[in-house]
Amino acid sequence: MALRHPPKEIIPPAERKKPRGPRVVRFEEPPEGFWRRWRRRLIRPATVIPTAVLAVITVGVLGYYYHVFSQRIDRLLRGEVFTRSAGIYAAPKQIRAGAGLSLDDVVAQLKRAGYVERAQQADNARGRYATDGAALEIEPSKDSTIDGKPQFPHVRVQLQSAWLEPELISSVAGPQRERRKVIGYNDLPDPLVKAIVVTEDRDFFNHYGINFRGILRAAVRRYDTDPNSPIARQGGSSITQQLVKNLFLSPEYSLKRKVAEAYMSVILETRLSKQDIFALYCNEVYLGQRAGFSIKGVGEASEAYFNKDVTQLTLPEAALLAGLIRSPNRYNPYKYPDVAFERRNQVLESMKEAGVLSEVDAARAMATELKVAPQKGRIDVSEAPYFVDYAQSQLSDIITDTSAADRLRIYTTIDMDLQRAAYAAVVKQLAALDKVQSRRFPPGTLQAALVAIKADTGEIDA
């Protein structure tokens, strides 16, 4: 095959050269970002090693104090913090057919013994009664057992013969001279629960022991120049923290105590339910003085200020008790009724603002007159002070550890009906003698004593 050549006058086009890229003369690294710069500074041996050591020490310290605080809390919770039925009791009451007692008399006796109506909201351990025409059904309390055996029967009576539980004449007062009527969470009426939560710790049922919103509120109050402002009088401790301080720690303020209080509050929240913590708080809180004794708990305060069981508190009464928690002496309704009235209405206003109380109910409650039980006519909270002192002095001969009396249900021989009759008789006769002896002795200076004893047994009746 013959080869063909291009004509000589035709020159093929030369190959084009590819353009060269720009030459790199100098390289500059882009500026380092803020977070990358700080990450590079932090993540290096000079910072990682001390941080790890500090973390190990912190975990060790927290673990150590968790163990220490847990032991203290578990030691207290191993038994009953407050024994519901502890105290000094009168003699059991026997009712007989033909004794002249009416149905109302028996019901009054049951109420003095702490019984409530069957349909009423109260703790399951309390005794209950129900009326059905002329008949009365009595369910004894679960506390009236000895070695697991019930001491009083479940009866249905028509004023026939039966034994009734005795009434509590005094809770055992220890060295600190405290009176306490132990109640359960179910004994607390709903208005009282709401009033305490609103005034002391609005997030109680939501937080885990520490109310951070309350702490911020307490910080804000430092900048409030008005001392009468509600913010100026609010604290930052949660209900759990207040309970921990009262049960385990001293009341003095220090940073160490506040840290321990917060840590123990978190631990306590893992041990008890919110309802149990709230019930303990309501049994421990200080609410004033009466007849030389400290009033501890809303159960005792209800009897002292209103002469009624805590389950029967009304909304205005519940607001007053909730208002007393912050400063019982300042808001004492007997010494400063006007201040107590304003404080009660302030609590009601707070409940309305928190949305737990309607405007109509709040206005009606704020318009209610401040009513408390009269102080006159009661020789003591126990109504038998000298006999109670005598009974307490005899405990050392019966039990070796007198501190155990805080856990015991102590029965005595005194008949409270005879005691009240004897007291009324002495008062009446002293008034008559004052008139007869008015020339010899100044009025009110005569004194008398009465002791009624069973001749065959030596038991003290009054």
Protein backbone atom coordinates (compact mmCIF):
# COMPACT_ATOMS: atom_id res chain seq x y z
CA MET A 1 0.00 0.00 0.00
CA ALA A 2 1.42 3.36 -0.98
CA LEU A 3 2.17 5.94 1.71
CA ARG A 4 0.58 9.30 1.47
CA HIS A 5 2.36 12.38 2.75
CA PRO A 6 0.85 15.75 3.41
CA PRO A 7 1.68 18.46 1.02
CA LYS A 8 4.83 20.33 1.86
CA GLU A 9 3.11 23.67 1.86
CA ILE A 10 0.75 22.58 4.64
CA ILE A 11 2.33 22.77 8.11
CA PRO A 12 0.46 20.99 10.91
CA PRO A 13 -0.52 23.25 13.85
CA ALA A 14 1.83 23.25 16.78
CA GLU A 15 0.61 21.79 20.09
CA ARG A 16 -0.58 24.46 22.49
CA LYS A 17 1.20 24.68 25.79
CA LYS A 18 -0.92 24.40 28.90
CA PRO A 19 -0.87 27.54 31.02
CA ARG A 20 1.10 27.19 34.20
CA GLY A 21 -0.66 27.57 37.56
CA PRO A 22 0.26 30.34 39.98
CA ARG A 23 3.49 29.76 41.80
CA VAL A 24 3.33 29.47 45.61
CA VAL A 25 5.60 32.10 46.93
CA ARG A 26 4.45 32.11 50.63
CA PHE A 27 1.91 30.06 52.71
CA GLU A 28 -0.08 31.62 55.55
CA GLU A 29 -2.22 29.44 57.88
CA PRO A 30 -5.77 30.77 58.35
CA PRO A 31 -6.46 32.35 61.77
CA GLU A 32 -7.45 29.83 64.49
CA GLY A 33 -11.03 29.96 65.77
CA PHE A 34 -11.88 31.01 69.32
CA TRP A 35 -13.16 27.63 70.53
CA ARG A 36 -10.37 25.73 68.79
CA ARG A 37 -7.78 27.97 70.40
CA TRP A 38 -9.21 27.45 73.88
CA ARG A 39 -9.63 23.70 73.31
CA ARG A 40 -5.96 23.47 72.35
CA ARG A 41 -4.97 25.38 75.48
CA LEU A 42 -7.12 23.27 77.80
CA ILE A 43 -6.50 19.81 76.40
CA ARG A 44 -2.87 19.43 77.25
CA PRO A 45 -1.02 17.61 80.02
CA ALA A 46 -0.54 20.76 82.11
CA THR A 47 -4.31 21.14 82.50
CA VAL A 48 -5.71 17.63 82.01
CA ILE A 49 -3.67 16.01 84.79
CA PRO A 50 -4.56 18.56 87.54
CA THR A 51 -8.20 18.48 86.43
CA ALA A 52 -8.30 14.70 86.66
CA VAL A 53 -6.69 14.77 90.11
CA LEU A 54 -9.17 17.41 91.28
CA ALA A 55 -12.08 15.37 89.90
CA VAL A 56 -10.90 12.26 91.73
CA ILE A 57 -10.56 14.22 94.99
CA THR A 58 -14.02 15.77 94.53
CA VAL A 59 -15.64 12.41 93.85
CA GLY A 60 -13.87 10.96 96.87
CA VAL A 61 -15.01 13.77 99.16
CA LEU A 62 -18.59 13.57 97.88
CA GLY A 63 -18.56 9.80 98.28
CA TYR A 64 -17.22 10.04 101.83
CA TYR A 65 -19.80 12.57 102.96
CA TYR A 66 -22.54 10.67 101.14
CA HIS A 67 -21.65 7.67 103.29
CA VAL A 68 -21.49 9.75 106.48
CA PHE A 69 -24.73 11.63 105.85
CA SER A 70 -26.54 8.50 104.69
CA GLN A 71 -25.65 6.75 107.93
CA ARG A 72 -27.04 9.64 109.98
CA ILE A 73 -30.25 9.74 107.97
CA ASP A 74 -30.73 5.96 107.94
CA ARG A 75 -30.06 5.78 111.68
CA LEU A 76 -32.88 8.23 112.31
CA LEU A 77 -35.24 6.59 109.83
CA ARG A 78 -34.54 3.07 111.09
CA GLY A 79 -37.29 3.51 113.65
CA GLU A 80 -40.09 6.02 113.97
CA VAL A 81 -38.91 9.62 113.87
CA PHE A 82 -41.98 10.63 115.84
CA THR A 83 -44.09 7.96 117.53
CA ARG A 84 -47.68 8.82 116.83
CA SER A 85 -49.17 7.39 120.02
CA ALA A 86 -46.40 8.40 122.46
CA GLY A 87 -47.60 10.31 125.50
CA ILE A 88 -49.26 10.09 128.88
CA TYR A 89 -52.85 8.89 128.77
CA ALA A 90 -55.74 8.94 131.20
CA ALA A 91 -57.42 5.77 132.39
CA PRO A 92 -59.63 3.92 129.88
CA LYS A 93 -63.24 5.02 130.05
CA GLN A 94 -65.96 2.47 130.73
CA ILE A 95 -69.52 3.20 129.68
CA ARG A 96 -72.40 1.27 131.19
CA ALA A 97 -76.09 1.06 130.55
CA GLY A 98 -77.94 3.32 132.94
CA ALA A 99 -74.90 5.51 133.64
CA GLY A 100 -76.75 8.58 132.38
CA LEU A 101 -74.49 9.12 129.37
CA SER A 102 -75.99 10.43 126.17
CA LEU A 103 -74.77 9.62 122.67
CA ASP A 104 -73.26 13.10 122.44
CA ASP A 105 -71.31 12.50 125.67
CA VAL A 106 -69.76 9.33 124.24
CA VAL A 107 -68.92 11.06 120.95
CA ALA A 108 -67.28 13.92 122.86
CA GLN A 109 -65.18 11.38 124.77
CA LEU A 110 -64.13 9.73 121.51
CA LYS A 111 -63.13 13.08 120.00
CA ARG A 112 -61.00 13.87 123.05
CA ALA A 113 -59.32 10.50 122.48
CA GLY A 114 -58.45 11.53 118.93
CA TYR A 115 -61.24 9.73 117.07
CA VAL A 116 -62.70 11.08 113.84
CA GLU A 117 -65.84 10.28 111.90
CA ARG A 118 -65.55 7.31 109.60
CA ALA A 119 -66.11 9.35 106.43
CA GLN A 120 -63.65 12.09 107.41
CA GLN A 121 -60.25 12.30 105.76
CA ALA A 122 -57.61 11.29 108.28
CA ASP A 123 -54.73 8.90 108.79
CA ASN A 124 -55.66 5.21 108.65
CA ALA A 125 -54.19 4.59 112.11
CA ARG A 126 -56.71 6.84 113.86
CA GLY A 127 -59.77 5.54 115.65
CA ARG A 128 -63.10 6.15 113.94
CA TYR A 129 -66.76 6.21 114.85
CA ALA A 130 -70.06 6.31 113.02
CA THR A 131 -73.54 7.08 114.31
CA ASP A 132 -76.61 5.25 113.06
CA GLY A 133 -79.67 6.58 114.78
CA ALA A 134 -79.37 5.65 118.45
CA ALA A 135 -76.48 3.25 117.79
CA LEU A 136 -72.79 4.08 117.75
CA GLU A 137 -70.14 2.01 115.98
CA ILE A 138 -66.61 2.38 117.33
CA GLU A 139 -63.44 1.27 115.54
CA PRO A 140 -60.41 1.51 117.88
CA SER A 141 -57.19 3.04 116.64
CA LYS A 142 -54.35 0.87 115.40
CA ASP A 143 -52.07 2.40 118.03
CA SER A 144 -53.97 0.88 120.95
CA THR A 145 -52.20 -2.48 120.78
CA ILE A 146 -49.81 -4.10 123.23
CA ASP A 147 -47.52 -6.80 121.84
CA GLY A 148 -49.65 -6.85 118.72
CA LYS A 149 -52.88 -7.55 120.60
CA PRO A 150 -55.75 -5.03 120.45
CA GLN A 151 -56.74 -3.70 123.86
CA PHE A 152 -60.09 -2.19 122.90
CA PRO A 153 -62.82 -3.93 120.90
CA HIS A 154 -64.52 -2.92 117.69
CA VAL A 155 -68.04 -2.52 119.05
CA ARG A 156 -71.48 -1.34 118.07
CA VAL A 157 -73.18 0.00 121.17
CA GLN A 158 -76.51 1.45 122.14
CA LEU A 159 -75.15 2.92 125.37
CA GLN A 160 -74.44 -0.51 126.77
CA SER A 161 -71.32 -1.56 128.67
CA ALA A 162 -68.05 -1.03 126.78
CA TRP A 163 -64.50 0.22 127.30
CA LEU A 164 -63.34 3.29 125.39
CA GLU A 165 -59.83 4.38 124.57
CA PRO A 166 -58.42 7.00 126.93
CA GLU A 167 -57.61 10.52 125.86
CA LEU A 168 -54.09 11.88 125.61
CA ILE A 169 -53.48 14.30 128.47
CA SER A 170 -49.90 15.19 127.60
CA SER A 171 -47.28 14.30 125.05
CA VAL A 172 -44.10 13.44 126.90
CA ALA A 173 -42.04 16.62 127.28
CA GLY A 174 -38.30 15.99 127.16
CA PRO A 175 -35.50 18.22 128.45
CA GLN A 176 -36.43 20.84 125.84
CA ARG A 177 -40.01 20.99 127.18
CA GLU A 178 -41.77 20.37 123.88
CA ARG A 179 -45.38 19.43 123.20
CA ARG A 180 -46.12 17.55 120.01
CA LYS A 181 -49.22 15.80 118.70
CA VAL A 182 -47.99 13.56 115.90
CA ILE A 183 -50.11 13.50 112.76
CA GLY A 184 -49.86 11.80 109.38
CA TYR A 185 -50.01 13.30 105.91
CA ASN A 186 -53.63 12.18 105.46
CA ASP A 187 -54.57 14.12 108.60
CA LEU A 188 -53.62 17.39 106.92
CA PRO A 189 -56.54 19.23 105.29
CA ASP A 190 -55.97 20.36 101.72
CA PRO A 191 -56.05 24.12 102.54
CA LEU A 192 -53.27 23.66 105.11
CA VAL A 193 -51.05 21.75 102.66
CA LYS A 194 -51.51 24.42 100.00
CA ALA A 195 -50.93 27.28 102.45
CA ILE A 196 -47.65 25.81 103.74
CA VAL A 197 -46.37 24.96 100.27
CA VAL A 198 -47.17 28.43 98.92
CA THR A 199 -45.53 30.28 101.80
CA GLU A 200 -42.51 28.03 102.38
CA ASP A 201 -41.63 26.19 99.16
CA ARG A 202 -43.82 26.50 96.07
CA ASP A 203 -41.80 23.94 94.09
CA PHE A 204 -41.68 21.38 96.90
CA PHE A 205 -43.48 18.63 95.00
CA ASN A 206 -41.31 19.18 91.89
CA HIS A 207 -37.69 19.61 93.02
CA TYR A 208 -35.27 17.03 94.41
CA GLY A 209 -34.43 18.63 97.73
CA ILE A 210 -33.06 22.03 96.68
CA ASN A 211 -35.26 24.87 95.47
CA PHE A 212 -32.98 26.85 93.16
CA ARG A 213 -35.74 29.34 92.41
CA GLY A 214 -36.06 29.96 96.12
CA ILE A 215 -32.32 30.53 96.40
CA LEU A 216 -32.45 33.11 93.61
CA ARG A 217 -35.43 34.75 95.29
CA ALA A 218 -33.47 34.96 98.55
CA ALA A 219 -30.59 36.59 96.66
CA VAL A 220 -32.94 39.16 95.15
CA ARG A 221 -34.29 40.16 98.55
CA ARG A 222 -30.90 41.59 99.52
CA TYR A 223 -31.49 44.36 97.02
CA ASP A 224 -35.02 45.06 98.20
CA THR A 225 -34.96 48.18 100.33
CA ASP A 226 -38.50 47.79 101.66
CA PRO A 227 -38.37 45.63 104.84
CA ASN A 228 -42.13 45.04 104.67
CA SER A 229 -41.97 43.56 101.18
CA PRO A 230 -42.95 39.88 100.91
CA ILE A 231 -39.71 39.23 99.01
CA ALA A 232 -37.69 40.79 101.81
CA ARG A 233 -38.98 38.20 104.28
CA GLN A 234 -38.64 35.10 102.12
CA GLY A 235 -35.89 32.55 102.65
CA GLY A 236 -34.19 30.29 100.15
CA SER A 237 -34.29 26.96 101.97
CA SER A 238 -36.69 24.32 100.74
CA ILE A 239 -39.01 22.42 103.07
CA THR A 240 -36.63 19.46 102.89
CA GLN A 241 -33.68 21.68 103.83
CA GLN A 242 -35.58 23.13 106.78
CA LEU A 243 -36.42 19.63 107.98
CA VAL A 244 -32.79 18.51 107.67
CA LYS A 245 -31.63 21.56 109.62
CA ASN A 246 -34.11 20.88 112.44
CA LEU A 247 -33.44 17.14 112.66
CA PHE A 248 -29.71 16.85 112.01
CA LEU A 249 -27.93 20.21 112.09
CA SER A 250 -27.57 23.28 114.26
CA PRO A 251 -29.58 26.44 113.52
CA GLU A 252 -26.52 28.71 113.30
CA TYR A 253 -25.73 30.05 109.85
CA SER A 254 -22.47 29.05 108.17
CA LEU A 255 -21.39 28.04 104.69
CA LYS A 256 -20.37 24.59 105.92
CA ARG A 257 -23.79 24.02 107.45
CA LYS A 258 -25.60 25.22 104.32
CA VAL A 259 -23.59 22.88 102.08
CA ALA A 260 -24.22 19.93 104.41
CA GLU A 261 -27.90 20.88 104.58
CA ALA A 262 -28.25 20.90 100.79
CA TYR A 263 -26.38 17.61 100.34
CA MET A 264 -28.37 15.83 103.07
CA SER A 265 -31.60 17.15 101.57
CA VAL A 266 -30.82 15.47 98.26
CA ILE A 267 -30.04 12.21 100.11
CA LEU A 268 -33.22 12.43 102.19
CA GLU A 269 -35.29 12.84 99.03
CA THR A 270 -34.02 9.42 97.91
CA ARG A 271 -35.11 7.82 101.19
CA LEU A 272 -38.63 9.14 101.70
CA SER A 273 -41.58 10.15 99.57
CA LYS A 274 -42.66 13.77 99.32
CA GLN A 275 -45.68 13.03 101.49
CA ASP A 276 -43.54 11.49 104.25
CA ILE A 277 -41.12 14.42 104.18
CA PHE A 278 -43.99 16.90 104.35
CA ALA A 279 -45.56 15.04 107.29
CA LEU A 280 -42.24 15.04 109.18
CA TYR A 281 -41.89 18.76 108.52
CA CYS A 282 -45.40 19.43 109.82
CA ASN A 283 -44.60 17.48 113.00
CA GLU A 284 -41.25 19.18 113.62
CA VAL A 285 -41.90 22.84 112.81
CA TYR A 286 -41.88 25.26 115.76
CA LEU A 287 -45.09 27.27 116.16
CA GLY A 288 -44.80 29.22 119.39
CA GLN A 289 -45.01 28.86 123.17
CA ARG A 290 -47.87 27.85 125.42
CA ALA A 291 -47.85 27.45 129.21
CA GLY A 292 -44.05 27.25 129.32
CA PHE A 293 -43.79 24.59 126.60
CA SER A 294 -42.77 24.82 122.96
CA ILE A 295 -45.51 24.02 120.46
CA LYS A 296 -44.05 21.63 117.89
CA GLY A 297 -46.03 20.63 114.84
CA VAL A 298 -49.35 21.65 113.34
CA GLY A 299 -51.20 18.95 115.28
CA GLU A 300 -50.33 20.50 118.63
CA ALA A 301 -50.71 24.03 117.25
CA SER A 302 -54.25 23.28 116.08
CA GLU A 303 -55.20 22.22 119.60
CA ALA A 304 -53.38 25.15 121.22
CA TYR A 305 -54.66 27.97 119.01
CA PHE A 306 -58.09 26.70 117.94
CA ASN A 307 -58.92 23.91 120.41
CA LYS A 308 -59.75 21.53 117.56
CA ASP A 309 -58.28 18.60 115.69
CA VAL A 310 -56.07 19.44 112.72
CA THR A 311 -58.46 17.64 110.35
CA GLN A 312 -61.15 20.21 111.16
CA LEU A 313 -59.17 23.36 110.35
CA THR A 314 -60.86 25.92 108.12
CA LEU A 315 -59.14 27.90 105.37
CA PRO A 316 -58.51 31.05 107.50
CA GLU A 317 -57.18 28.92 110.37
CA ALA A 318 -54.89 26.98 108.03
CA ALA A 319 -53.55 30.25 106.60
CA LEU A 320 -52.80 31.55 110.10
CA LEU A 321 -50.82 28.42 111.04
CA ALA A 322 -48.89 28.59 107.77
CA GLY A 323 -48.09 32.23 108.45
CA LEU A 324 -46.80 31.47 111.94
CA ILE A 325 -44.02 29.22 110.63
CA ARG A 326 -41.79 32.10 109.59
CA SER A 327 -41.87 33.89 112.95
CA PRO A 328 -44.22 32.44 115.62
CA ASN A 329 -43.38 35.06 118.23
CA ARG A 330 -43.75 38.01 115.88
CA TYR A 331 -47.13 36.84 114.59
CA ASN A 332 -48.46 35.58 117.94
CA PRO A 333 -52.26 36.01 117.66
CA TYR A 334 -52.63 36.53 121.42
CA LYS A 335 -50.01 39.26 121.77
CA TYR A 336 -50.27 40.89 118.35
CA PRO A 337 -53.70 40.10 116.87
CA ASP A 338 -53.52 42.88 114.26
CA VAL A 339 -50.12 41.70 113.00
CA ALA A 340 -51.35 38.09 112.94
CA PHE A 341 -54.45 39.17 111.01
CA GLU A 342 -52.32 40.92 108.37
CA ARG A 343 -49.98 37.95 108.13
CA ARG A 344 -52.89 35.55 107.65
CA ASN A 345 -54.31 37.70 104.85
CA GLN A 346 -50.87 37.93 103.27
CA VAL A 347 -50.78 34.12 103.09
CA LEU A 348 -54.26 34.09 101.55
CA GLU A 349 -53.17 36.69 99.00
CA SER A 350 -50.14 34.56 98.11
CA MET A 351 -52.39 31.53 97.66
CA LYS A 352 -54.59 33.53 95.30
CA GLU A 353 -51.58 34.72 93.29
CA ALA A 354 -50.26 31.15 93.08
CA GLY A 355 -53.56 30.01 91.59
CA VAL A 356 -54.51 27.56 94.35
CA LEU A 357 -57.30 29.77 95.68
CA SER A 358 -60.04 31.57 93.80
CA GLU A 359 -60.62 35.29 94.25
CA VAL A 360 -64.05 34.67 95.79
CA ASP A 361 -62.74 32.20 98.38
CA ALA A 362 -59.75 34.43 99.14
CA ALA A 363 -61.94 37.50 99.67
CA ARG A 364 -64.33 35.56 101.89
CA ALA A 365 -61.47 34.14 103.99
CA MET A 366 -59.72 37.52 104.32
CA ALA A 367 -62.95 39.08 105.56
CA THR A 368 -63.26 36.43 108.29
CA GLU A 369 -62.54 37.62 111.80
CA LEU A 370 -59.40 36.28 113.46
CA LYS A 371 -60.65 33.76 116.03
CA VAL A 372 -58.47 31.77 118.40
CA ALA A 373 -59.27 29.70 121.46
CA PRO A 374 -59.37 31.79 124.65
CA GLN A 375 -56.40 31.46 126.95
CA LYS A 376 -58.49 31.85 130.09
CA GLY A 377 -60.14 28.87 131.72
CA ARG A 378 -57.34 26.44 130.89
CA ILE A 379 -54.82 25.71 133.63
CA ASP A 380 -52.50 24.04 131.17
CA VAL A 381 -52.48 22.41 127.79
CA SER A 382 -52.70 19.04 129.53
CA GLU A 383 -55.45 20.10 132.00
CA ALA A 384 -53.71 18.02 134.66
CA PRO A 385 -50.25 19.57 134.99
CA TYR A 386 -49.35 18.37 138.48
CA PHE A 387 -50.41 14.81 137.80
CA VAL A 388 -48.41 14.82 134.55
CA ASP A 389 -45.32 15.99 136.44
CA TYR A 390 -45.89 13.23 138.99
CA ALA A 391 -46.29 10.60 136.27
CA GLN A 392 -43.09 11.73 134.55
CA SER A 393 -41.19 11.59 137.83
CA GLN A 394 -42.29 7.97 138.27
CA LEU A 395 -41.01 6.88 134.86
CA SER A 396 -37.43 6.57 136.13
CA ASP A 397 -38.60 3.85 138.54
CA ILE A 398 -40.36 1.91 135.78
CA ILE A 399 -38.03 2.17 132.78
CA THR A 400 -34.23 2.36 132.82
CA ASP A 401 -33.92 4.66 129.81
CA THR A 402 -36.23 7.63 130.33
CA SER A 403 -35.53 8.86 126.80
CA ALA A 404 -37.51 5.82 125.60
CA ALA A 405 -40.64 7.54 126.92
CA ASP A 406 -40.74 9.45 123.63
CA ARG A 407 -41.70 6.12 122.00
CA LEU A 408 -44.09 4.77 124.64
CA ARG A 409 -47.84 4.94 125.15
CA ILE A 410 -48.13 5.44 128.91
CA TYR A 411 -51.44 4.62 130.61
CA THR A 412 -52.28 6.17 133.99
CA THR A 413 -55.15 5.97 136.47
CA ILE A 414 -56.49 9.51 136.27
CA ASP A 415 -60.12 9.99 135.28
CA MET A 416 -60.33 13.18 133.26
CA ASP A 417 -64.04 13.63 133.94
CA LEU A 418 -63.31 13.58 137.67
CA GLN A 419 -60.28 15.82 137.10
CA ARG A 420 -62.39 18.48 135.39
CA ALA A 421 -65.09 18.21 138.06
CA ALA A 422 -62.48 18.52 140.82
CA TYR A 423 -60.90 21.55 139.17
CA ALA A 424 -64.29 23.24 138.79
CA ALA A 425 -65.13 22.51 142.43
CA VAL A 426 -61.84 23.95 143.70
CA VAL A 427 -62.21 27.10 141.60
CA LYS A 428 -65.78 27.59 142.82
CA GLN A 429 -64.89 27.12 146.48
CA LEU A 430 -61.85 29.40 146.26
CA ALA A 431 -64.03 32.15 144.81
CA ALA A 432 -66.45 31.74 147.71
CA LEU A 433 -63.63 31.74 150.28
CA ASP A 434 -62.17 34.89 148.73
CA LYS A 435 -65.37 36.71 149.60
CA VAL A 436 -65.50 35.33 153.13
CA GLN A 437 -61.82 35.98 153.87
CA SER A 438 -61.56 39.26 151.96
CA ARG A 439 -60.67 41.18 155.14
CA ARG A 440 -57.86 38.84 156.13
CA PHE A 441 -56.33 38.03 152.73
CA PRO A 442 -56.11 39.98 149.48
CA PRO A 443 -58.39 38.58 146.74
CA GLY A 444 -56.81 35.87 144.63
CA THR A 445 -54.13 34.88 147.14
CA LEU A 446 -55.87 31.84 148.63
CA GLN A 447 -54.71 28.47 147.31
CA ALA A 448 -56.12 24.98 147.53
CA ALA A 449 -55.28 21.44 146.47
CA LEU A 450 -57.41 18.35 145.92
CA VAL A 451 -56.33 14.75 145.47
CA ALA A 452 -58.86 11.95 144.94
CA ILE A 453 -57.46 8.47 145.64
CA LYS A 454 -59.08 5.05 145.55
CA ALA A 455 -58.91 3.75 149.08
CA ASP A 456 -58.52 0.08 148.14
CA THR A 457 -55.76 0.44 145.52
CA GLY A 458 -54.19 3.84 146.14
CA GLU A 459 -54.75 4.84 142.51
CA ILE A 460 -55.04 8.56 141.85
CA ASP A 461 -58.33 9.47 140.19
CA ALA A 462 -57.97 13.27 140.15
